[in-house]
Amino acid sequence: MILRMVILPGLTTTRKEGIPAFLKALSRSKERHIALFPTCLGAAERQALYRELEEIKGLRIPHVHLRADCLPAEIAYLAATFGTEAFNIHPRASGHPFASPFGEFAQRFFVENVDVPVEDAELEGEEGPRLGGICPDFSHLENARLFGREAYVERTLTQLERFTIGCCHLSAIRVGVPNSWGREWDHHAFAALSDLDFLSSYRAWMPASWASLELENSFEEQLEARAYITGLLRTKAPPHRIPQ
């Protein structure tokens, strides 16, 4: 599984000023597969970014983190233009649930654990279309473990055993350093590569295909992170136990 998995550099949009440098570095590199996180861009901003991405010959974007207002036509465009195979969304109990119809791409949708875990019913299709499965965000999961949220951790680990893991987010944990949105320890940027060490404990639940770096770090730093994480995942480490 680990040998088949591809770790994708991620173009995030939480710091919009970093987008031009990422695109410039990407264009000059031989890398032609990335993940895209346009969740901080409005519709017009997304369209402008897509036009820039189309200028990078041969670019593929296998995994896109959809914003809540993305419409079916935009999803179809991403699949047709950039070969997107996996779309992830926030759970319906989150502050930014996906609001559009799933349409023909429902089986390509994977639900991410965020500040709240995913509901089983949402993954089972009891109250809507059957989706593809779950998109674990391991930094959110590890943060919940560190803060003793036992129910969150237990539910998410159980779901990782029960449902298809179609893609995932790889971010950082910086213990004792509050993040900007919740004052906790999960971060979308690493200060040192060791901020990624916790990922080795989740080796058993990595997806078979796309693992995406949700990082604000530069394109070059993300390539370093990819090499570092690849080394981590080749080592044997037991998964975390559910805290008591």
Protein backbone atom coordinates (compact mmCIF):
# COMPACT_ATOMS: atom_id res chain seq x y z
CA MET A 1 0.00 0.00 0.00
CA ILE A 2 2.68 2.48 0.98
CA LEU A 3 4.69 1.80 -2.17
CA ARG A 4 1.67 2.53 -4.38
CA MET A 5 0.62 5.65 -2.51
CA VAL A 6 1.56 8.99 -4.07
CA ILE A 7 2.26 11.96 -1.78
CA LEU A 8 1.07 15.09 -3.56
CA PRO A 9 2.41 18.62 -2.96
CA GLY A 10 -0.56 20.77 -2.04
CA LEU A 11 -1.52 24.20 -3.31
CA THR A 12 -3.37 25.73 -0.36
CA THR A 13 -5.16 29.06 -0.43
CA THR A 14 -5.24 30.06 3.23
CA ARG A 15 -2.35 32.42 2.49
CA LYS A 16 -3.31 33.78 -0.93
CA GLU A 17 -0.08 35.72 -1.24
CA GLY A 18 1.81 32.42 -1.45
CA ILE A 19 -0.02 31.18 -4.55
CA PRO A 20 2.10 32.94 -7.24
CA ALA A 21 5.40 31.61 -5.84
CA PHE A 22 3.98 28.08 -5.65
CA LEU A 23 2.79 28.23 -9.28
CA LYS A 24 6.11 29.62 -10.47
CA ALA A 25 8.10 26.89 -8.72
CA LEU A 26 5.71 24.21 -9.94
CA SER A 27 5.97 25.44 -13.53
CA ARG A 28 9.78 25.26 -13.42
CA SER A 29 9.81 21.77 -11.91
CA LYS A 30 9.18 18.36 -13.45
CA GLU A 31 6.38 17.71 -10.95
CA ARG A 32 3.03 17.44 -12.68
CA HIS A 33 0.76 16.04 -9.96
CA ILE A 34 -0.52 18.20 -7.10
CA ALA A 35 -3.45 18.41 -4.71
CA LEU A 36 -5.56 21.56 -4.62
CA PHE A 37 -7.16 23.21 -1.57
CA PRO A 38 -9.18 26.17 -2.97
CA THR A 39 -11.29 26.40 0.18
CA CYS A 40 -10.47 30.07 0.86
CA LEU A 41 -11.30 31.30 -2.64
CA GLY A 42 -14.65 32.57 -3.86
CA ALA A 43 -16.06 31.40 -7.19
CA ALA A 44 -14.45 34.14 -9.28
CA GLU A 45 -11.08 33.65 -7.57
CA ARG A 46 -11.24 29.91 -8.21
CA GLN A 47 -11.96 30.45 -11.90
CA ALA A 48 -8.98 32.77 -12.17
CA LEU A 49 -6.75 30.19 -10.49
CA TYR A 50 -8.02 27.40 -12.76
CA ARG A 51 -7.02 29.47 -15.81
CA GLU A 52 -3.50 29.80 -14.42
CA LEU A 53 -3.32 26.08 -13.68
CA GLU A 54 -4.41 25.26 -17.23
CA GLU A 55 -1.29 27.07 -18.45
CA ILE A 56 0.94 24.44 -16.82
CA LYS A 57 1.21 21.82 -19.53
CA GLY A 58 0.45 18.26 -18.42
CA LEU A 59 -0.72 19.22 -14.93
CA ARG A 60 -2.91 16.69 -13.13
CA ILE A 61 -4.78 17.34 -9.88
CA PRO A 62 -5.92 13.93 -8.58
CA HIS A 63 -7.29 15.31 -5.27
CA VAL A 64 -9.28 18.50 -4.69
CA HIS A 65 -10.64 19.71 -1.36
CA LEU A 66 -13.96 21.22 -2.41
CA ARG A 67 -15.26 24.45 -1.00
CA ALA A 68 -18.84 24.25 0.28
CA ASP A 69 -20.23 26.28 -2.63
CA CYS A 70 -18.67 24.31 -5.51
CA LEU A 71 -21.39 23.41 -8.02
CA PRO A 72 -21.67 20.20 -10.11
CA ALA A 73 -20.45 21.95 -13.26
CA GLU A 74 -17.26 23.02 -11.50
CA ILE A 75 -16.70 19.50 -10.20
CA ALA A 76 -17.20 18.08 -13.71
CA TYR A 77 -14.72 20.66 -15.05
CA LEU A 78 -12.06 19.61 -12.54
CA ALA A 79 -12.52 15.94 -13.41
CA ALA A 80 -12.38 16.58 -17.16
CA THR A 81 -9.58 19.15 -17.20
CA PHE A 82 -7.25 17.96 -14.47
CA GLY A 83 -8.23 14.30 -14.07
CA THR A 84 -9.48 14.75 -10.50
CA GLU A 85 -10.29 11.36 -8.99
CA ALA A 86 -11.01 12.24 -5.35
CA PHE A 87 -12.96 15.15 -3.92
CA ASN A 88 -13.07 15.72 -0.20
CA ILE A 89 -15.63 17.70 1.74
CA HIS A 90 -16.30 18.69 5.34
CA PRO A 91 -18.88 16.70 7.33
CA ARG A 92 -22.42 18.02 7.52
CA ALA A 93 -22.08 18.78 11.25
CA SER A 94 -19.15 21.13 10.61
CA GLY A 95 -19.31 24.88 10.26
CA HIS A 96 -18.84 24.62 6.47
CA PRO A 97 -20.81 21.62 5.21
CA PHE A 98 -20.93 20.88 1.49
CA ALA A 99 -24.10 22.51 0.16
CA SER A 100 -24.30 21.41 -3.49
CA PRO A 101 -25.77 18.25 -5.04
CA PHE A 102 -23.29 15.38 -5.29
CA GLY A 103 -24.52 14.38 -8.73
CA GLU A 104 -22.75 11.73 -10.76
CA PHE A 105 -19.54 12.11 -8.78
CA ALA A 106 -20.90 10.95 -5.40
CA GLN A 107 -18.63 7.91 -5.35
CA ARG A 108 -15.59 10.18 -5.69
CA PHE A 109 -16.52 12.14 -2.55
CA PHE A 110 -14.66 11.46 0.70
CA VAL A 111 -15.60 13.14 3.98
CA GLU A 112 -12.89 14.69 6.17
CA ASN A 113 -12.76 14.72 9.95
CA VAL A 114 -12.29 18.36 10.99
CA ASP A 115 -13.04 19.98 14.36
CA VAL A 116 -15.89 17.44 14.51
CA PRO A 117 -15.72 13.79 13.45
CA VAL A 118 -17.70 12.38 10.54
CA GLU A 119 -21.08 10.78 11.27
CA ASP A 120 -21.38 7.08 10.42
CA ALA A 121 -24.73 7.74 8.74
CA GLU A 122 -23.08 10.20 6.36
CA LEU A 123 -20.62 7.53 5.22
CA GLU A 124 -23.24 4.79 5.10
CA GLY A 125 -25.54 6.78 2.83
CA GLU A 126 -28.53 6.40 5.12
CA GLU A 127 -29.81 9.92 4.49
CA GLY A 128 -28.40 10.67 1.06
CA PRO A 129 -26.27 9.19 -1.73
CA ARG A 130 -23.65 6.63 -0.83
CA LEU A 131 -20.32 8.45 -0.93
CA GLY A 132 -16.89 7.02 -1.65
CA GLY A 133 -15.70 6.92 1.96
CA ILE A 134 -13.53 8.88 4.35
CA CYS A 135 -10.64 11.35 3.95
CA PRO A 136 -8.68 11.29 7.20
CA ASP A 137 -6.96 14.46 8.26
CA PHE A 138 -4.30 12.99 10.51
CA SER A 139 -3.28 16.25 12.15
CA HIS A 140 -6.88 16.88 13.28
CA LEU A 141 -7.07 13.30 14.54
CA GLU A 142 -3.76 13.53 16.39
CA ASN A 143 -4.75 16.88 17.87
CA ALA A 144 -7.97 15.34 19.20
CA ARG A 145 -5.92 12.51 20.72
CA LEU A 146 -3.52 14.94 22.39
CA PHE A 147 -6.41 16.91 23.88
CA GLY A 148 -8.10 13.75 25.19
CA ARG A 149 -11.18 13.74 22.95
CA GLU A 150 -11.74 10.03 23.29
CA ALA A 151 -15.09 9.80 21.50
CA TYR A 152 -13.72 11.67 18.46
CA VAL A 153 -10.65 9.43 18.26
CA GLU A 154 -12.53 6.18 18.79
CA ARG A 155 -15.16 7.00 16.19
CA THR A 156 -12.61 8.08 13.58
CA LEU A 157 -10.32 5.08 14.06
CA THR A 158 -13.33 2.77 13.78
CA GLN A 159 -14.38 4.49 10.57
CA LEU A 160 -10.89 4.08 9.13
CA GLU A 161 -11.33 0.33 9.60
CA ARG A 162 -14.88 0.22 8.19
CA PHE A 163 -14.90 2.58 5.21
CA THR A 164 -12.79 3.18 2.12
CA ILE A 165 -9.94 5.66 2.63
CA GLY A 166 -9.90 7.42 -0.71
CA CYS A 167 -7.42 10.20 0.06
CA CYS A 168 -6.00 11.98 3.10
CA HIS A 169 -4.55 15.23 4.40
CA LEU A 170 -0.99 15.33 5.73
CA SER A 171 -0.28 18.37 7.88
CA ALA A 172 1.75 19.21 10.98
CA ILE A 173 1.50 18.89 14.76
CA ARG A 174 3.39 21.50 16.81
CA VAL A 175 2.83 20.66 20.46
CA GLY A 176 2.51 23.77 22.61
CA VAL A 177 2.24 26.12 19.63
CA PRO A 178 -1.35 27.37 19.18
CA ASN A 179 -2.72 27.56 15.65
CA SER A 180 -4.53 30.62 14.32
CA TRP A 181 -8.05 29.20 14.13
CA GLY A 182 -8.61 27.17 17.30
CA ARG A 183 -5.55 27.86 19.47
CA GLU A 184 -4.67 24.14 19.42
CA TRP A 185 -1.75 22.20 17.97
CA ASP A 186 -2.75 21.06 14.47
CA HIS A 187 -1.13 23.28 11.83
CA HIS A 188 -1.11 23.80 8.06
CA ALA A 189 2.58 24.63 8.10
CA PHE A 190 5.62 22.93 9.59
CA ALA A 191 8.46 24.80 11.25
CA ALA A 192 10.71 21.71 11.30
CA LEU A 193 10.39 18.40 9.51
CA SER A 194 10.04 16.72 12.91
CA ASP A 195 6.58 18.35 13.13
CA LEU A 196 5.55 15.54 10.78
CA ASP A 197 6.93 12.67 12.88
CA PHE A 198 3.52 11.77 14.32
CA LEU A 199 2.41 10.51 10.89
CA SER A 200 4.42 7.32 11.32
CA SER A 201 1.91 6.22 13.96
CA TYR A 202 -0.89 6.35 11.39
CA ARG A 203 0.96 4.29 8.81
CA ALA A 204 -1.69 1.56 8.84
CA TRP A 205 -4.41 3.98 7.70
CA MET A 206 -2.73 5.69 4.78
CA PRO A 207 -4.73 5.55 1.53
CA ALA A 208 -3.79 3.29 -1.33
CA SER A 209 -3.46 6.17 -3.76
CA TRP A 210 -3.46 9.89 -2.92
CA ALA A 211 -1.99 11.45 0.22
CA SER A 212 -2.04 15.23 0.01
CA LEU A 213 0.16 17.74 1.79
CA GLU A 214 -2.14 20.41 3.21
CA LEU A 215 0.70 22.77 3.92
CA GLU A 216 1.31 26.47 3.44
CA ASN A 217 5.04 25.83 3.13
CA SER A 218 6.73 26.61 -0.17
CA PHE A 219 6.71 24.16 -3.04
CA GLU A 220 10.38 23.36 -2.42
CA GLU A 221 9.80 22.75 1.29
CA GLN A 222 6.91 20.47 0.45
CA LEU A 223 9.14 18.32 -1.74
CA GLU A 224 11.48 17.99 1.25
CA ALA A 225 8.51 17.06 3.42
CA ARG A 226 7.41 14.43 0.90
CA ALA A 227 10.82 12.76 0.99
CA TYR A 228 10.84 12.92 4.78
CA ILE A 229 7.35 11.44 5.15
CA THR A 230 8.18 8.70 2.67
CA GLY A 231 11.02 7.68 4.95
CA LEU A 232 8.77 7.79 8.01
CA LEU A 233 6.17 5.55 6.43
CA ARG A 234 8.74 2.94 5.46
CA THR A 235 9.51 2.36 9.12
CA LYS A 236 7.34 0.16 11.28
CA ALA A 237 5.43 1.95 14.00
CA PRO A 238 2.33 0.81 15.89
CA PRO A 239 -0.83 2.95 15.66
CA HIS A 240 -1.81 5.03 18.66
CA ARG A 241 -4.04 3.39 21.18
CA ILE A 242 -7.32 5.08 21.93
CA PRO A 243 -6.66 7.17 25.05
CA GLN A 244 -8.27 5.96 28.26
